[in-house]
Amino acid sequence: MPEGPFAPTRREAAQPDDGTRQLLQWGASIVGSGLAAALLLITVLGGFSPTGASTNTGWFALIVALVCLPFGSLLLGLGVAKWLRNRSIARRG
């Protein structure tokens, strides 16, 4: 890392408000929404078969689950990676 008057210090590198908390919150919320939609699809909304859901609301829950689970998992994974990086930087500094 270059030294100089404008070089970031270790304290500045691990900012407390760098978006990690928001990534973890939103990632967990979106994964939770996807899991809730999948659970509702299986238990309340008629389930699904190899050809799809059996009700219109079941189709909606299936679409929500199939969108929320991968996207939320990516957000959650990124948040965990940033949290581990910040923790590592804090231990070294």
C-alpha atoms as a PDB file:
ATOM      1  CA  MET A   1       0.000   0.000   0.000  1.00  0.00           C
ATOM      2  CA  PRO A   2       1.498   3.375  -0.915  1.00  0.00           C
ATOM      3  CA  GLU A   3       2.578   5.657   1.843  1.00  0.00           C
ATOM      4  CA  GLY A   4       1.769   9.337   1.722  1.00  0.00           C
ATOM      5  CA  PRO A   5      -0.636  11.994   2.935  1.00  0.00           C
ATOM      6  CA  PHE A   6      -3.599  10.532   1.027  1.00  0.00           C
ATOM      7  CA  ALA A   7      -2.944   6.835   1.665  1.00  0.00           C
ATOM      8  CA  PRO A   8      -5.702   5.190   3.736  1.00  0.00           C
ATOM      9  CA  THR A   9      -4.675   3.973   7.149  1.00  0.00           C
ATOM     10  CA  ARG A  10      -5.743   0.611   8.524  1.00  0.00           C
ATOM     11  CA  ARG A  11      -8.342   2.309  10.672  1.00  0.00           C
ATOM     12  CA  GLU A  12      -9.880   3.931   7.585  1.00  0.00           C
ATOM     13  CA  ALA A  13      -9.731   0.693   5.574  1.00  0.00           C
ATOM     14  CA  ALA A  14     -12.186  -1.065   7.904  1.00  0.00           C
ATOM     15  CA  GLN A  15     -14.877   1.565   8.141  1.00  0.00           C
ATOM     16  CA  PRO A  16     -17.715   0.774  10.536  1.00  0.00           C
ATOM     17  CA  ASP A  17     -20.333   1.832   7.970  1.00  0.00           C
ATOM     18  CA  ASP A  18     -19.039   0.140   4.818  1.00  0.00           C
ATOM     19  CA  GLY A  19     -22.321  -1.600   3.984  1.00  0.00           C
ATOM     20  CA  THR A  20     -21.561  -4.927   5.642  1.00  0.00           C
ATOM     21  CA  ARG A  21     -24.437  -4.681   8.103  1.00  0.00           C
ATOM     22  CA  GLN A  22     -26.876  -3.765   5.348  1.00  0.00           C
ATOM     23  CA  LEU A  23     -25.739  -6.681   3.175  1.00  0.00           C
ATOM     24  CA  LEU A  24     -26.185  -9.092   6.068  1.00  0.00           C
ATOM     25  CA  GLN A  25     -29.599  -7.671   7.003  1.00  0.00           C
ATOM     26  CA  TRP A  26     -31.042  -7.588   3.496  1.00  0.00           C
ATOM     27  CA  GLY A  27     -29.490 -10.909   2.494  1.00  0.00           C
ATOM     28  CA  ALA A  28     -30.970 -12.637   5.535  1.00  0.00           C
ATOM     29  CA  SER A  29     -34.344 -10.941   4.982  1.00  0.00           C
ATOM     30  CA  ILE A  30     -34.517 -11.975   1.338  1.00  0.00           C
ATOM     31  CA  VAL A  31     -33.454 -15.562   2.097  1.00  0.00           C
ATOM     32  CA  GLY A  32     -36.054 -15.657   4.880  1.00  0.00           C
ATOM     33  CA  SER A  33     -38.732 -14.432   2.467  1.00  0.00           C
ATOM     34  CA  GLY A  34     -37.781 -17.119  -0.032  1.00  0.00           C
ATOM     35  CA  LEU A  35     -37.852 -19.827   2.621  1.00  0.00           C
ATOM     36  CA  ALA A  36     -41.236 -18.598   3.862  1.00  0.00           C
ATOM     37  CA  ALA A  37     -42.623 -18.640   0.312  1.00  0.00           C
ATOM     38  CA  ALA A  38     -41.301 -22.172  -0.248  1.00  0.00           C
ATOM     39  CA  LEU A  39     -42.715 -23.368   3.068  1.00  0.00           C
ATOM     40  CA  LEU A  40     -46.102 -21.824   2.325  1.00  0.00           C
ATOM     41  CA  LEU A  41     -46.072 -23.386  -1.140  1.00  0.00           C
ATOM     42  CA  ILE A  42     -45.496 -26.841   0.278  1.00  0.00           C
ATOM     43  CA  THR A  43     -47.851 -26.644   3.268  1.00  0.00           C
ATOM     44  CA  VAL A  44     -50.699 -24.244   2.526  1.00  0.00           C
ATOM     45  CA  LEU A  45     -50.813 -23.431  -1.177  1.00  0.00           C
ATOM     46  CA  GLY A  46     -51.355 -26.909  -2.608  1.00  0.00           C
ATOM     47  CA  GLY A  47     -47.788 -28.053  -3.108  1.00  0.00           C
ATOM     48  CA  PHE A  48     -46.157 -28.627  -6.476  1.00  0.00           C
ATOM     49  CA  SER A  49     -45.534 -31.424  -8.933  1.00  0.00           C
ATOM     50  CA  PRO A  50     -43.029 -31.923 -11.775  1.00  0.00           C
ATOM     51  CA  THR A  51     -45.268 -29.750 -13.963  1.00  0.00           C
ATOM     52  CA  GLY A  52     -45.403 -26.870 -11.462  1.00  0.00           C
ATOM     53  CA  ALA A  53     -47.603 -25.546  -8.695  1.00  0.00           C
ATOM     54  CA  SER A  54     -51.240 -26.582  -8.461  1.00  0.00           C
ATOM     55  CA  THR A  55     -52.816 -23.163  -7.745  1.00  0.00           C
ATOM     56  CA  ASN A  56     -52.316 -19.622  -8.998  1.00  0.00           C
ATOM     57  CA  THR A  57     -51.118 -18.481  -5.590  1.00  0.00           C
ATOM     58  CA  GLY A  58     -48.799 -21.478  -5.520  1.00  0.00           C
ATOM     59  CA  TRP A  59     -47.239 -20.313  -8.775  1.00  0.00           C
ATOM     60  CA  PHE A  60     -46.685 -16.885  -7.278  1.00  0.00           C
ATOM     61  CA  ALA A  61     -45.032 -18.418  -4.195  1.00  0.00           C
ATOM     62  CA  LEU A  62     -42.868 -20.608  -6.429  1.00  0.00           C
ATOM     63  CA  ILE A  63     -41.678 -17.592  -8.425  1.00  0.00           C
ATOM     64  CA  VAL A  64     -40.948 -15.625  -5.239  1.00  0.00           C
ATOM     65  CA  ALA A  65     -38.981 -18.542  -3.795  1.00  0.00           C
ATOM     66  CA  LEU A  66     -37.005 -19.098  -6.995  1.00  0.00           C
ATOM     67  CA  VAL A  67     -36.047 -15.419  -7.167  1.00  0.00           C
ATOM     68  CA  CYS A  68     -35.411 -14.730  -3.484  1.00  0.00           C
ATOM     69  CA  LEU A  69     -33.330 -17.770  -2.579  1.00  0.00           C
ATOM     70  CA  PRO A  70     -30.455 -17.323  -5.075  1.00  0.00           C
ATOM     71  CA  PHE A  71     -30.361 -13.514  -4.882  1.00  0.00           C
ATOM     72  CA  GLY A  72     -30.560 -13.454  -1.088  1.00  0.00           C
ATOM     73  CA  SER A  73     -27.890 -16.137  -0.830  1.00  0.00           C
ATOM     74  CA  LEU A  74     -25.535 -14.052  -2.959  1.00  0.00           C
ATOM     75  CA  LEU A  75     -26.145 -10.967  -0.816  1.00  0.00           C
ATOM     76  CA  LEU A  76     -25.699 -12.958   2.376  1.00  0.00           C
ATOM     77  CA  GLY A  77     -22.499 -14.567   1.086  1.00  0.00           C
ATOM     78  CA  LEU A  78     -21.070 -11.191   0.128  1.00  0.00           C
ATOM     79  CA  GLY A  79     -21.986  -9.794   3.549  1.00  0.00           C
ATOM     80  CA  VAL A  80     -20.310 -12.704   5.340  1.00  0.00           C
ATOM     81  CA  ALA A  81     -17.180 -12.305   3.194  1.00  0.00           C
ATOM     82  CA  LYS A  82     -17.011  -8.571   3.984  1.00  0.00           C
ATOM     83  CA  TRP A  83     -17.588  -9.255   7.686  1.00  0.00           C
ATOM     84  CA  LEU A  84     -14.752 -11.818   7.739  1.00  0.00           C
ATOM     85  CA  ARG A  85     -12.469  -9.390   5.888  1.00  0.00           C
ATOM     86  CA  ASN A  86     -13.268  -6.555   8.304  1.00  0.00           C
ATOM     87  CA  ARG A  87     -12.696  -8.858  11.258  1.00  0.00           C
ATOM     88  CA  SER A  88      -9.335  -9.920   9.831  1.00  0.00           C
ATOM     89  CA  ILE A  89      -8.298  -6.307   9.261  1.00  0.00           C
ATOM     90  CA  ALA A  90      -9.365  -5.339  12.782  1.00  0.00           C
ATOM     91  CA  ARG A  91      -7.304  -8.155  14.310  1.00  0.00           C
ATOM     92  CA  ARG A  92      -4.169  -7.143  12.393  1.00  0.00           C
ATOM     93  CA  GLY A  93      -4.555  -3.421  13.071  1.00  0.00           C
END
